[in-house]
Amino acid sequence: MENDTEKKHSTKRDGKKSFAKEESSEEKPKKQWWLKLYVAGQTPRSLAAFKNLKKLCDEYLEGEYDIEVIDLLKNPQLAQGDQIVAIPTLVRNLPAPMKKIIGDLSNYDRVLVGLDIKERDK
């Protein structure tokens, strides 16, 4: 019987160790954001959209995002994949679900709500 008690105690200790490892590896899982910005050349509106998006990401998603800028003047066929009908358009591919925001992204509150970073004011 003493051996069974020792085994259980030993198992329990092992369980604590593995739990401690899981807990430390689960500290603040980083959300990965994959954003696509569709533009048409380097127009003032397109440049403003990129500048606004970069500023917003640096402030709210630091180190957790990837921005892909897609110039539809160079690759117009890429507009079909995300069904782009206006430019500039921001597409959030990750995290799911996909979301689209049209415009120069200067209204930060609207963009933050659209990306689900901030809840809509009630």
PDB file of N, CA and C in Angstrom:
ATOM      1  N   MET A   1       0.804  -1.204   0.000  1.00  0.00           N
ATOM      2  CA  MET A   1       0.000   0.000   0.000  1.00  0.00           C
ATOM      3  C   MET A   1       0.846   1.268   0.000  1.00  0.00           C
ATOM      4  N   GLU A   2       1.959   1.217   0.693  1.00  0.00           N
ATOM      5  CA  GLU A   2       2.793   2.417   0.740  1.00  0.00           C
ATOM      6  C   GLU A   2       3.296   2.795  -0.656  1.00  0.00           C
ATOM      7  N   ASN A   3       3.572   1.737  -1.440  1.00  0.00           N
ATOM      8  CA  ASN A   3       4.053   2.011  -2.793  1.00  0.00           C
ATOM      9  C   ASN A   3       3.000   2.713  -3.645  1.00  0.00           C
ATOM     10  N   ASP A   4       1.706   2.277  -3.478  1.00  0.00           N
ATOM     11  CA  ASP A   4       0.632   2.929  -4.227  1.00  0.00           C
ATOM     12  C   ASP A   4       0.512   4.398  -3.840  1.00  0.00           C
ATOM     13  N   THR A   5       0.636   4.655  -2.546  1.00  0.00           N
ATOM     14  CA  THR A   5       0.545   6.031  -2.059  1.00  0.00           C
ATOM     15  C   THR A   5       1.683   6.864  -2.651  1.00  0.00           C
ATOM     16  N   GLU A   6       2.864   6.280  -2.658  1.00  0.00           N
ATOM     17  CA  GLU A   6       4.006   7.006  -3.212  1.00  0.00           C
ATOM     18  C   GLU A   6       3.828   7.285  -4.702  1.00  0.00           C
ATOM     19  N   LYS A   7       3.263   6.287  -5.427  1.00  0.00           N
ATOM     20  CA  LYS A   7       3.062   6.482  -6.865  1.00  0.00           C
ATOM     21  C   LYS A   7       2.064   7.610  -7.119  1.00  0.00           C
ATOM     22  N   LYS A   8       0.954   7.600  -6.370  1.00  0.00           N
ATOM     23  CA  LYS A   8      -0.047   8.640  -6.561  1.00  0.00           C
ATOM     24  C   LYS A   8       0.542  10.013  -6.257  1.00  0.00           C
ATOM     25  N   HIS A   9       1.290  10.053  -5.181  1.00  0.00           N
ATOM     26  CA  HIS A   9       1.900  11.325  -4.802  1.00  0.00           C
ATOM     27  C   HIS A   9       2.866  11.791  -5.890  1.00  0.00           C
ATOM     28  N   SER A  10       3.632  10.836  -6.406  1.00  0.00           N
ATOM     29  CA  SER A  10       4.582  11.159  -7.447  1.00  0.00           C
ATOM     30  C   SER A  10       3.848  11.625  -8.719  1.00  0.00           C
ATOM     31  N   THR A  11       2.763  10.939  -9.042  1.00  0.00           N
ATOM     32  CA  THR A  11       1.986  11.323 -10.222  1.00  0.00           C
ATOM     33  C   THR A  11       1.410  12.726 -10.047  1.00  0.00           C
ATOM     34  N   LYS A  12       0.927  12.978  -8.849  1.00  0.00           N
ATOM     35  CA  LYS A  12       0.357  14.290  -8.582  1.00  0.00           C
ATOM     36  C   LYS A  12       1.411  15.382  -8.764  1.00  0.00           C
ATOM     37  N   ARG A  13       2.615  15.109  -8.280  1.00  0.00           N
ATOM     38  CA  ARG A  13       3.687  16.101  -8.458  1.00  0.00           C
ATOM     39  C   ARG A  13       3.987  16.326  -9.930  1.00  0.00           C
ATOM     40  N   ASP A  14       4.032  15.208 -10.686  1.00  0.00           N
ATOM     41  CA  ASP A  14       4.281  15.367 -12.125  1.00  0.00           C
ATOM     42  C   ASP A  14       3.187  16.201 -12.759  1.00  0.00           C
ATOM     43  N   GLY A  15       1.962  15.957 -12.332  1.00  0.00           N
ATOM     44  CA  GLY A  15       0.856  16.721 -12.889  1.00  0.00           C
ATOM     45  C   GLY A  15       1.016  18.198 -12.613  1.00  0.00           C
ATOM     46  N   LYS A  16       1.474  18.542 -11.424  1.00  0.00           N
ATOM     47  CA  LYS A  16       1.677  19.954 -11.093  1.00  0.00           C
ATOM     48  C   LYS A  16       2.748  20.571 -11.978  1.00  0.00           C
ATOM     49  N   LYS A  17       3.790  19.797 -12.206  1.00  0.00           N
ATOM     50  CA  LYS A  17       4.866  20.332 -13.048  1.00  0.00           C
ATOM     51  C   LYS A  17       4.377  20.610 -14.464  1.00  0.00           C
ATOM     52  N   SER A  18       3.658  19.631 -15.034  1.00  0.00           N
ATOM     53  CA  SER A  18       3.198  19.838 -16.399  1.00  0.00           C
ATOM     54  C   SER A  18       2.162  20.966 -16.448  1.00  0.00           C
ATOM     55  N   PHE A  19       1.347  21.083 -15.397  1.00  0.00           N
ATOM     56  CA  PHE A  19       0.381  22.169 -15.362  1.00  0.00           C
ATOM     57  C   PHE A  19       1.104  23.510 -15.336  1.00  0.00           C
ATOM     58  N   ALA A  20       2.187  23.566 -14.557  1.00  0.00           N
ATOM     59  CA  ALA A  20       2.938  24.815 -14.495  1.00  0.00           C
ATOM     60  C   ALA A  20       3.519  25.174 -15.855  1.00  0.00           C
ATOM     61  N   LYS A  21       3.985  24.164 -16.597  1.00  0.00           N
ATOM     62  CA  LYS A  21       4.524  24.438 -17.928  1.00  0.00           C
ATOM     63  C   LYS A  21       3.425  24.933 -18.857  1.00  0.00           C
ATOM     64  N   GLU A  22       2.250  24.259 -18.808  1.00  0.00           N
ATOM     65  CA  GLU A  22       1.146  24.683 -19.670  1.00  0.00           C
ATOM     66  C   GLU A  22       0.733  26.108 -19.342  1.00  0.00           C
ATOM     67  N   GLU A  23       0.697  26.402 -18.055  1.00  0.00           N
ATOM     68  CA  GLU A  23       0.271  27.730 -17.651  1.00  0.00           C
ATOM     69  C   GLU A  23       1.228  28.797 -18.188  1.00  0.00           C
ATOM     70  N   SER A  24       2.538  28.518 -18.111  1.00  0.00           N
ATOM     71  CA  SER A  24       3.474  29.531 -18.587  1.00  0.00           C
ATOM     72  C   SER A  24       3.444  29.660 -20.104  1.00  0.00           C
ATOM     73  N   SER A  25       3.186  28.543 -20.816  1.00  0.00           N
ATOM     74  CA  SER A  25       3.132  28.634 -22.274  1.00  0.00           C
ATOM     75  C   SER A  25       1.826  29.264 -22.750  1.00  0.00           C
ATOM     76  N   GLU A  26       0.810  29.311 -21.894  1.00  0.00           N
ATOM     77  CA  GLU A  26      -0.464  29.886 -22.281  1.00  0.00           C
ATOM     78  C   GLU A  26      -0.598  31.340 -21.862  1.00  0.00           C
ATOM     79  N   GLU A  27       0.477  31.928 -21.363  1.00  0.00           N
ATOM     80  CA  GLU A  27       0.402  33.326 -20.978  1.00  0.00           C
ATOM     81  C   GLU A  27       0.138  34.176 -22.201  1.00  0.00           C
ATOM     82  N   LYS A  28      -0.874  34.928 -22.149  1.00  0.00           N
ATOM     83  CA  LYS A  28      -1.247  35.874 -23.188  1.00  0.00           C
ATOM     84  C   LYS A  28      -0.983  35.359 -24.598  1.00  0.00           C
ATOM     85  N   PRO A  29      -1.809  34.432 -25.080  1.00  0.00           N
ATOM     86  CA  PRO A  29      -1.607  33.976 -26.449  1.00  0.00           C
ATOM     87  C   PRO A  29      -1.793  35.153 -27.400  1.00  0.00           C
ATOM     88  N   LYS A  30      -0.847  35.305 -28.290  1.00  0.00           N
ATOM     89  CA  LYS A  30      -0.904  36.439 -29.204  1.00  0.00           C
ATOM     90  C   LYS A  30      -1.855  36.144 -30.349  1.00  0.00           C
ATOM     91  N   LYS A  31      -2.686  37.106 -30.606  1.00  0.00           N
ATOM     92  CA  LYS A  31      -3.612  37.018 -31.718  1.00  0.00           C
ATOM     93  C   LYS A  31      -2.866  37.479 -32.963  1.00  0.00           C
ATOM     94  N   GLN A  32      -2.942  36.734 -33.993  1.00  0.00           N
ATOM     95  CA  GLN A  32      -2.254  37.111 -35.211  1.00  0.00           C
ATOM     96  C   GLN A  32      -3.238  37.737 -36.174  1.00  0.00           C
ATOM     97  N   TRP A  33      -2.929  38.911 -36.633  1.00  0.00           N
ATOM     98  CA  TRP A  33      -3.787  39.656 -37.549  1.00  0.00           C
ATOM     99  C   TRP A  33      -3.161  39.652 -38.933  1.00  0.00           C
ATOM    100  N   TRP A  34      -3.949  39.285 -39.932  1.00  0.00           N
ATOM    101  CA  TRP A  34      -3.508  39.298 -41.317  1.00  0.00           C
ATOM    102  C   TRP A  34      -4.424  40.262 -42.057  1.00  0.00           C
ATOM    103  N   LEU A  35      -3.850  41.415 -42.446  1.00  0.00           N
ATOM    104  CA  LEU A  35      -4.620  42.482 -43.066  1.00  0.00           C
ATOM    105  C   LEU A  35      -4.119  42.718 -44.485  1.00  0.00           C
ATOM    106  N   LYS A  36      -5.075  42.915 -45.402  1.00  0.00           N
ATOM    107  CA  LYS A  36      -4.735  43.254 -46.785  1.00  0.00           C
ATOM    108  C   LYS A  36      -5.319  44.625 -47.079  1.00  0.00           C
ATOM    109  N   LEU A  37      -4.492  45.499 -47.635  1.00  0.00           N
ATOM    110  CA  LEU A  37      -4.965  46.819 -48.024  1.00  0.00           C
ATOM    111  C   LEU A  37      -4.908  46.902 -49.548  1.00  0.00           C
ATOM    112  N   TYR A  38      -6.072  46.998 -50.160  1.00  0.00           N
ATOM    113  CA  TYR A  38      -6.164  47.115 -51.616  1.00  0.00           C
ATOM    114  C   TYR A  38      -6.133  48.591 -51.983  1.00  0.00           C
ATOM    115  N   VAL A  39      -5.212  48.972 -52.863  1.00  0.00           N
ATOM    116  CA  VAL A  39      -5.068  50.347 -53.310  1.00  0.00           C
ATOM    117  C   VAL A  39      -4.936  50.348 -54.835  1.00  0.00           C
ATOM    118  N   ALA A  40      -4.959  51.566 -55.415  1.00  0.00           N
ATOM    119  CA  ALA A  40      -4.732  51.703 -56.865  1.00  0.00           C
ATOM    120  C   ALA A  40      -3.654  52.745 -57.053  1.00  0.00           C
ATOM    121  N   GLY A  41      -2.417  52.315 -57.055  1.00  0.00           N
ATOM    122  CA  GLY A  41      -1.299  53.233 -57.195  1.00  0.00           C
ATOM    123  C   GLY A  41      -1.045  53.990 -55.902  1.00  0.00           C
ATOM    124  N   GLN A  42      -0.268  55.051 -56.013  1.00  0.00           N
ATOM    125  CA  GLN A  42       0.085  55.832 -54.832  1.00  0.00           C
ATOM    126  C   GLN A  42      -0.687  57.152 -54.824  1.00  0.00           C
ATOM    127  N   THR A  43      -1.984  57.049 -54.830  1.00  0.00           N
ATOM    128  CA  THR A  43      -2.825  58.234 -54.744  1.00  0.00           C
ATOM    129  C   THR A  43      -2.788  58.771 -53.317  1.00  0.00           C
ATOM    130  N   PRO A  44      -3.132  60.054 -53.122  1.00  0.00           N
ATOM    131  CA  PRO A  44      -3.164  60.591 -51.752  1.00  0.00           C
ATOM    132  C   PRO A  44      -4.077  59.776 -50.837  1.00  0.00           C
ATOM    133  N   ARG A  45      -5.200  59.304 -51.365  1.00  0.00           N
ATOM    134  CA  ARG A  45      -6.148  58.513 -50.559  1.00  0.00           C
ATOM    135  C   ARG A  45      -5.542  57.154 -50.175  1.00  0.00           C
ATOM    136  N   SER A  46      -4.836  56.540 -51.100  1.00  0.00           N
ATOM    137  CA  SER A  46      -4.198  55.249 -50.814  1.00  0.00           C
ATOM    138  C   SER A  46      -3.071  55.411 -49.793  1.00  0.00           C
ATOM    139  N   LEU A  47      -2.271  56.464 -49.965  1.00  0.00           N
ATOM    140  CA  LEU A  47      -1.176  56.708 -49.019  1.00  0.00           C
ATOM    141  C   LEU A  47      -1.721  57.025 -47.630  1.00  0.00           C
ATOM    142  N   ALA A  48      -2.829  57.785 -47.580  1.00  0.00           N
ATOM    143  CA  ALA A  48      -3.443  58.098 -46.286  1.00  0.00           C
ATOM    144  C   ALA A  48      -3.976  56.832 -45.631  1.00  0.00           C
ATOM    145  N   ALA A  49      -4.581  55.947 -46.424  1.00  0.00           N
ATOM    146  CA  ALA A  49      -5.114  54.701 -45.864  1.00  0.00           C
ATOM    147  C   ALA A  49      -3.996  53.865 -45.255  1.00  0.00           C
ATOM    148  N   PHE A  50      -2.862  53.758 -45.960  1.00  0.00           N
ATOM    149  CA  PHE A  50      -1.746  52.974 -45.423  1.00  0.00           C
ATOM    150  C   PHE A  50      -1.181  53.620 -44.156  1.00  0.00           C
ATOM    151  N   LYS A  51      -1.009  54.946 -44.188  1.00  0.00           N
ATOM    152  CA  LYS A  51      -0.472  55.659 -43.020  1.00  0.00           C
ATOM    153  C   LYS A  51      -1.396  55.485 -41.814  1.00  0.00           C
ATOM    154  N   ASN A  52      -2.694  55.615 -42.031  1.00  0.00           N
ATOM    155  CA  ASN A  52      -3.650  55.464 -40.935  1.00  0.00           C
ATOM    156  C   ASN A  52      -3.676  54.030 -40.413  1.00  0.00           C
ATOM    157  N   LEU A  53      -3.622  53.070 -41.319  1.00  0.00           N
ATOM    158  CA  LEU A  53      -3.627  51.666 -40.901  1.00  0.00           C
ATOM    159  C   LEU A  53      -2.377  51.331 -40.107  1.00  0.00           C
ATOM    160  N   LYS A  54      -1.239  51.785 -40.579  1.00  0.00           N
ATOM    161  CA  LYS A  54       0.033  51.507 -39.887  1.00  0.00           C
ATOM    162  C   LYS A  54       0.029  52.114 -38.480  1.00  0.00           C
ATOM    163  N   LYS A  55      -0.461  53.344 -38.378  1.00  0.00           N
ATOM    164  CA  LYS A  55      -0.517  54.011 -37.073  1.00  0.00           C
ATOM    165  C   LYS A  55      -1.430  53.254 -36.119  1.00  0.00           C
ATOM    166  N   LEU A  56      -2.583  52.855 -36.621  1.00  0.00           N
ATOM    167  CA  LEU A  56      -3.547  52.122 -35.799  1.00  0.00           C
ATOM    168  C   LEU A  56      -2.980  50.769 -35.350  1.00  0.00           C
ATOM    169  N   CYS A  57      -2.325  50.052 -36.263  1.00  0.00           N
ATOM    170  CA  CYS A  57      -1.749  48.752 -35.927  1.00  0.00           C
ATOM    171  C   CYS A  57      -0.607  48.894 -34.918  1.00  0.00           C
ATOM    172  N   ASP A  58       0.230  49.897 -35.112  1.00  0.00           N
ATOM    173  CA  ASP A  58       1.330  50.106 -34.163  1.00  0.00           C
ATOM    174  C   ASP A  58       0.801  50.417 -32.767  1.00  0.00           C
ATOM    175  N   GLU A  59      -0.311  51.114 -32.712  1.00  0.00           N
ATOM    176  CA  GLU A  59      -0.865  51.498 -31.413  1.00  0.00           C
ATOM    177  C   GLU A  59      -1.652  50.366 -30.738  1.00  0.00           C
ATOM    178  N   TYR A  60      -2.423  49.596 -31.509  1.00  0.00           N
ATOM    179  CA  TYR A  60      -3.319  48.603 -30.906  1.00  0.00           C
ATOM    180  C   TYR A  60      -2.902  47.157 -31.122  1.00  0.00           C
ATOM    181  N   LEU A  61      -2.083  46.873 -32.129  1.00  0.00           N
ATOM    182  CA  LEU A  61      -1.748  45.481 -32.452  1.00  0.00           C
ATOM    183  C   LEU A  61      -0.239  45.261 -32.527  1.00  0.00           C
ATOM    184  N   GLU A  62       0.512  45.975 -31.760  1.00  0.00           N
ATOM    185  CA  GLU A  62       1.965  45.950 -31.848  1.00  0.00           C
ATOM    186  C   GLU A  62       2.519  44.526 -31.858  1.00  0.00           C
ATOM    187  N   GLY A  63       3.258  44.201 -32.898  1.00  0.00           N
ATOM    188  CA  GLY A  63       3.910  42.896 -33.009  1.00  0.00           C
ATOM    189  C   GLY A  63       2.983  41.737 -33.320  1.00  0.00           C
ATOM    190  N   GLU A  64       1.716  42.013 -33.597  1.00  0.00           N
ATOM    191  CA  GLU A  64       0.751  40.936 -33.812  1.00  0.00           C
ATOM    192  C   GLU A  64       0.090  41.009 -35.187  1.00  0.00           C
ATOM    193  N   TYR A  65       0.668  41.758 -36.103  1.00  0.00           N
ATOM    194  CA  TYR A  65      -0.032  41.938 -37.374  1.00  0.00           C
ATOM    195  C   TYR A  65       0.915  41.848 -38.569  1.00  0.00           C
ATOM    196  N   ASP A  66       0.299  41.514 -39.693  1.00  0.00           N
ATOM    197  CA  ASP A  66       0.974  41.560 -40.988  1.00  0.00           C
ATOM    198  C   ASP A  66       0.071  42.346 -41.919  1.00  0.00           C
ATOM    199  N   ILE A  67       0.657  43.321 -42.613  1.00  0.00           N
ATOM    200  CA  ILE A  67      -0.100  44.098 -43.589  1.00  0.00           C
ATOM    201  C   ILE A  67       0.438  43.759 -44.973  1.00  0.00           C
ATOM    202  N   GLU A  68      -0.458  43.395 -45.867  1.00  0.00           N
ATOM    203  CA  GLU A  68      -0.100  43.141 -47.257  1.00  0.00           C
ATOM    204  C   GLU A  68      -0.783  44.224 -48.094  1.00  0.00           C
ATOM    205  N   VAL A  69       0.008  45.032 -48.775  1.00  0.00           N
ATOM    206  CA  VAL A  69      -0.547  46.071 -49.634  1.00  0.00           C
ATOM    207  C   VAL A  69      -0.615  45.519 -51.058  1.00  0.00           C
ATOM    208  N   ILE A  70      -1.801  45.553 -51.626  1.00  0.00           N
ATOM    209  CA  ILE A  70      -2.017  45.011 -52.966  1.00  0.00           C
ATOM    210  C   ILE A  70      -2.406  46.158 -53.891  1.00  0.00           C
ATOM    211  N   ASP A  71      -1.541  46.441 -54.862  1.00  0.00           N
ATOM    212  CA  ASP A  71      -1.787  47.513 -55.824  1.00  0.00           C
ATOM    213  C   ASP A  71      -2.549  46.925 -57.005  1.00  0.00           C
ATOM    214  N   LEU A  72      -3.796  47.325 -57.141  1.00  0.00           N
ATOM    215  CA  LEU A  72      -4.637  46.760 -58.200  1.00  0.00           C
ATOM    216  C   LEU A  72      -4.276  47.288 -59.579  1.00  0.00           C
ATOM    217  N   LEU A  73      -3.465  48.370 -59.655  1.00  0.00           N
ATOM    218  CA  LEU A  73      -2.986  48.809 -60.970  1.00  0.00           C
ATOM    219  C   LEU A  73      -1.971  47.804 -61.521  1.00  0.00           C
ATOM    220  N   LYS A  74      -1.238  47.162 -60.628  1.00  0.00           N
ATOM    221  CA  LYS A  74      -0.236  46.167 -61.040  1.00  0.00           C
ATOM    222  C   LYS A  74      -0.830  44.765 -61.150  1.00  0.00           C
ATOM    223  N   ASN A  75      -1.786  44.445 -60.268  1.00  0.00           N
ATOM    224  CA  ASN A  75      -2.380  43.105 -60.232  1.00  0.00           C
ATOM    225  C   ASN A  75      -3.902  43.200 -60.120  1.00  0.00           C
ATOM    226  N   PRO A  76      -4.580  43.646 -61.164  1.00  0.00           N
ATOM    227  CA  PRO A  76      -6.037  43.827 -61.065  1.00  0.00           C
ATOM    228  C   PRO A  76      -6.807  42.522 -60.833  1.00  0.00           C
ATOM    229  N   GLN A  77      -6.244  41.418 -61.231  1.00  0.00           N
ATOM    230  CA  GLN A  77      -6.931  40.139 -61.056  1.00  0.00           C
ATOM    231  C   GLN A  77      -7.087  39.756 -59.588  1.00  0.00           C
ATOM    232  N   LEU A  78      -6.270  40.348 -58.707  1.00  0.00           N
ATOM    233  CA  LEU A  78      -6.348  40.010 -57.285  1.00  0.00           C
ATOM    234  C   LEU A  78      -7.604  40.583 -56.616  1.00  0.00           C
ATOM    235  N   ALA A  79      -8.275  41.514 -57.274  1.00  0.00           N
ATOM    236  CA  ALA A  79      -9.493  42.095 -56.706  1.00  0.00           C
ATOM    237  C   ALA A  79     -10.630  41.079 -56.644  1.00  0.00           C
ATOM    238  N   GLN A  80     -10.627  40.126 -57.545  1.00  0.00           N
ATOM    239  CA  GLN A  80     -11.710  39.141 -57.576  1.00  0.00           C
ATOM    240  C   GLN A  80     -11.724  38.247 -56.348  1.00  0.00           C
ATOM    241  N   GLY A  81     -10.555  37.872 -55.866  1.00  0.00           N
ATOM    242  CA  GLY A  81     -10.466  36.949 -54.731  1.00  0.00           C
ATOM    243  C   GLY A  81     -11.206  37.439 -53.509  1.00  0.00           C
ATOM    244  N   ASP A  82     -11.069  38.715 -53.185  1.00  0.00           N
ATOM    245  CA  ASP A  82     -11.746  39.283 -52.011  1.00  0.00           C
ATOM    246  C   ASP A  82     -12.950  40.141 -52.422  1.00  0.00           C
ATOM    247  N   GLN A  83     -13.351  40.070 -53.692  1.00  0.00           N
ATOM    248  CA  GLN A  83     -14.514  40.788 -54.209  1.00  0.00           C
ATOM    249  C   GLN A  83     -14.446  42.279 -53.865  1.00  0.00           C
ATOM    250  N   ILE A  84     -13.368  42.911 -54.298  1.00  0.00           N
ATOM    251  CA  ILE A  84     -13.151  44.329 -54.039  1.00  0.00           C
ATOM    252  C   ILE A  84     -13.920  45.155 -55.069  1.00  0.00           C
ATOM    253  N   VAL A  85     -14.728  46.093 -54.581  1.00  0.00           N
ATOM    254  CA  VAL A  85     -15.528  46.935 -55.477  1.00  0.00           C
ATOM    255  C   VAL A  85     -15.173  48.406 -55.339  1.00  0.00           C
ATOM    256  N   ALA A  86     -14.383  48.771 -54.345  1.00  0.00           N
ATOM    257  CA  ALA A  86     -13.971  50.161 -54.148  1.00  0.00           C
ATOM    258  C   ALA A  86     -12.570  50.155 -53.556  1.00  0.00           C
ATOM    259  N   ILE A  87     -11.863  51.269 -53.732  1.00  0.00           N
ATOM    260  CA  ILE A  87     -10.520  51.369 -53.173  1.00  0.00           C
ATOM    261  C   ILE A  87     -10.346  52.722 -52.502  1.00  0.00           C
ATOM    262  N   PRO A  88      -9.545  52.828 -51.489  1.00  0.00           N
ATOM    263  CA  PRO A  88      -8.858  51.732 -50.818  1.00  0.00           C
ATOM    264  C   PRO A  88      -9.826  50.898 -49.973  1.00  0.00           C
ATOM    265  N   THR A  89      -9.538  49.618 -49.883  1.00  0.00           N
ATOM    266  CA  THR A  89     -10.315  48.699 -49.060  1.00  0.00           C
ATOM    267  C   THR A  89      -9.373  47.897 -48.187  1.00  0.00           C
ATOM    268  N   LEU A  90      -9.717  47.836 -46.902  1.00  0.00           N
ATOM    269  CA  LEU A  90      -8.966  47.007 -45.958  1.00  0.00           C
ATOM    270  C   LEU A  90      -9.729  45.710 -45.762  1.00  0.00           C
ATOM    271  N   VAL A  91      -9.032  44.588 -45.887  1.00  0.00           N
ATOM    272  CA  VAL A  91      -9.632  43.274 -45.654  1.00  0.00           C
ATOM    273  C   VAL A  91      -8.904  42.617 -44.496  1.00  0.00           C
ATOM    274  N   ARG A  92      -9.678  42.242 -43.490  1.00  0.00           N
ATOM    275  CA  ARG A  92      -9.108  41.477 -42.376  1.00  0.00           C
ATOM    276  C   ARG A  92      -9.362  40.012 -42.673  1.00  0.00           C
ATOM    277  N   ASN A  93      -8.278  39.274 -42.975  1.00  0.00           N
ATOM    278  CA  ASN A  93      -8.418  37.837 -43.234  1.00  0.00           C
ATOM    279  C   ASN A  93      -8.354  37.039 -41.936  1.00  0.00           C
ATOM    280  N   LEU A  94      -7.463  37.424 -41.047  1.00  0.00           N
ATOM    281  CA  LEU A  94      -7.343  36.774 -39.740  1.00  0.00           C
ATOM    282  C   LEU A  94      -7.266  37.840 -38.680  1.00  0.00           C
ATOM    283  N   PRO A  95      -7.864  37.625 -37.548  1.00  0.00           N
ATOM    284  CA  PRO A  95      -8.673  36.474 -37.158  1.00  0.00           C
ATOM    285  C   PRO A  95     -10.018  36.459 -37.873  1.00  0.00           C
ATOM    286  N   ALA A  96     -10.573  35.270 -38.021  1.00  0.00           N
ATOM    287  CA  ALA A  96     -11.865  35.105 -38.674  1.00  0.00           C
ATOM    288  C   ALA A  96     -12.955  35.737 -37.808  1.00  0.00           C
ATOM    289  N   PRO A  97     -14.030  36.164 -38.332  1.00  0.00           N
ATOM    290  CA  PRO A  97     -14.429  36.136 -39.727  1.00  0.00           C
ATOM    291  C   PRO A  97     -13.802  37.290 -40.508  1.00  0.00           C
ATOM    292  N   MET A  98     -13.814  37.138 -41.846  1.00  0.00           N
ATOM    293  CA  MET A  98     -13.267  38.171 -42.706  1.00  0.00           C
ATOM    294  C   MET A  98     -14.124  39.435 -42.601  1.00  0.00           C
ATOM    295  N   LYS A  99     -13.457  40.583 -42.599  1.00  0.00           N
ATOM    296  CA  LYS A  99     -14.158  41.866 -42.535  1.00  0.00           C
ATOM    297  C   LYS A  99     -13.545  42.799 -43.566  1.00  0.00           C
ATOM    298  N   LYS A 100     -14.373  43.739 -44.067  1.00  0.00           N
ATOM    299  CA  LYS A 100     -13.899  44.726 -45.040  1.00  0.00           C
ATOM    300  C   LYS A 100     -14.272  46.115 -44.566  1.00  0.00           C
ATOM    301  N   ILE A 101     -13.342  47.038 -44.766  1.00  0.00           N
ATOM    302  CA  ILE A 101     -13.585  48.438 -44.445  1.00  0.00           C
ATOM    303  C   ILE A 101     -13.119  49.256 -45.650  1.00  0.00           C
ATOM    304  N   ILE A 102     -14.012  50.076 -46.178  1.00  0.00           N
ATOM    305  CA  ILE A 102     -13.709  50.893 -47.351  1.00  0.00           C
ATOM    306  C   ILE A 102     -13.415  52.319 -46.909  1.00  0.00           C
ATOM    307  N   GLY A 103     -12.377  52.918 -47.505  1.00  0.00           N
ATOM    308  CA  GLY A 103     -12.068  54.313 -47.232  1.00  0.00           C
ATOM    309  C   GLY A 103     -10.625  54.501 -46.835  1.00  0.00           C
ATOM    310  N   ASP A 104     -10.300  55.736 -46.428  1.00  0.00           N
ATOM    311  CA  ASP A 104      -8.910  56.041 -46.092  1.00  0.00           C
ATOM    312  C   ASP A 104      -8.559  55.715 -44.635  1.00  0.00           C
ATOM    313  N   LEU A 105      -9.499  55.127 -43.904  1.00  0.00           N
ATOM    314  CA  LEU A 105      -9.300  54.633 -42.533  1.00  0.00           C
ATOM    315  C   LEU A 105      -8.973  55.761 -41.553  1.00  0.00           C
ATOM    316  N   SER A 106      -9.401  56.973 -41.876  1.00  0.00           N
ATOM    317  CA  SER A 106      -9.105  58.119 -41.000  1.00  0.00           C
ATOM    318  C   SER A 106     -10.020  58.176 -39.785  1.00  0.00           C
ATOM    319  N   ASN A 107     -11.166  57.502 -39.839  1.00  0.00           N
ATOM    320  CA  ASN A 107     -12.064  57.464 -38.687  1.00  0.00           C
ATOM    321  C   ASN A 107     -11.665  56.267 -37.820  1.00  0.00           C
ATOM    322  N   TYR A 108     -10.750  56.519 -36.879  1.00  0.00           N
ATOM    323  CA  TYR A 108     -10.178  55.421 -36.082  1.00  0.00           C
ATOM    324  C   TYR A 108     -11.233  54.644 -35.315  1.00  0.00           C
ATOM    325  N   ASP A 109     -12.208  55.342 -34.758  1.00  0.00           N
ATOM    326  CA  ASP A 109     -13.242  54.626 -33.994  1.00  0.00           C
ATOM    327  C   ASP A 109     -13.983  53.635 -34.895  1.00  0.00           C
ATOM    328  N   ARG A 110     -14.319  54.066 -36.089  1.00  0.00           N
ATOM    329  CA  ARG A 110     -15.034  53.196 -37.036  1.00  0.00           C
ATOM    330  C   ARG A 110     -14.163  51.996 -37.423  1.00  0.00           C
ATOM    331  N   VAL A 111     -12.888  52.239 -37.641  1.00  0.00           N
ATOM    332  CA  VAL A 111     -11.980  51.151 -38.019  1.00  0.00           C
ATOM    333  C   VAL A 111     -11.788  50.175 -36.849  1.00  0.00           C
ATOM    334  N   LEU A 112     -11.624  50.708 -35.650  1.00  0.00           N
ATOM    335  CA  LEU A 112     -11.432  49.839 -34.477  1.00  0.00           C
ATOM    336  C   LEU A 112     -12.651  48.957 -34.243  1.00  0.00           C
ATOM    337  N   VAL A 113     -13.837  49.522 -34.410  1.00  0.00           N
ATOM    338  CA  VAL A 113     -15.066  48.736 -34.261  1.00  0.00           C
ATOM    339  C   VAL A 113     -15.170  47.733 -35.404  1.00  0.00           C
ATOM    340  N   GLY A 114     -14.852  48.176 -36.615  1.00  0.00           N
ATOM    341  CA  GLY A 114     -14.929  47.292 -37.775  1.00  0.00           C
ATOM    342  C   GLY A 114     -13.996  46.099 -37.687  1.00  0.00           C
ATOM    343  N   LEU A 115     -12.857  46.293 -37.050  1.00  0.00           N
ATOM    344  CA  LEU A 115     -11.891  45.200 -36.902  1.00  0.00           C
ATOM    345  C   LEU A 115     -12.123  44.386 -35.629  1.00  0.00           C
ATOM    346  N   ASP A 116     -13.127  44.756 -34.847  1.00  0.00           N
ATOM    347  CA  ASP A 116     -13.432  44.096 -33.568  1.00  0.00           C
ATOM    348  C   ASP A 116     -12.328  44.291 -32.540  1.00  0.00           C
ATOM    349  N   ILE A 117     -11.623  45.404 -32.627  1.00  0.00           N
ATOM    350  CA  ILE A 117     -10.623  45.730 -31.616  1.00  0.00           C
ATOM    351  C   ILE A 117     -11.305  46.472 -30.470  1.00  0.00           C
ATOM    352  N   LYS A 118     -12.321  47.211 -30.816  1.00  0.00           N
ATOM    353  CA  LYS A 118     -13.061  48.005 -29.835  1.00  0.00           C
ATOM    354  C   LYS A 118     -14.544  47.711 -30.023  1.00  0.00           C
ATOM    355  N   GLU A 119     -15.266  47.690 -28.900  1.00  0.00           N
ATOM    356  CA  GLU A 119     -16.704  47.470 -28.986  1.00  0.00           C
ATOM    357  C   GLU A 119     -17.402  48.763 -29.374  1.00  0.00           C
ATOM    358  N   ARG A 120     -18.509  48.607 -30.073  1.00  0.00           N
ATOM    359  CA  ARG A 120     -19.307  49.752 -30.492  1.00  0.00           C
ATOM    360  C   ARG A 120     -19.911  50.428 -29.263  1.00  0.00           C
ATOM    361  N   ASP A 121     -19.891  51.776 -29.242  1.00  0.00           N
ATOM    362  CA  ASP A 121     -20.519  52.509 -28.140  1.00  0.00           C
ATOM    363  C   ASP A 121     -22.018  52.292 -28.180  1.00  0.00           C
ATOM    364  N   LYS A 122     -22.566  52.123 -27.004  1.00  0.00           N
ATOM    365  CA  LYS A 122     -24.022  51.871 -26.944  1.00  0.00           C
ATOM    366  C   LYS A 122     -24.774  53.136 -26.674  1.00  0.00           C
TER     367      LYS A 122
END
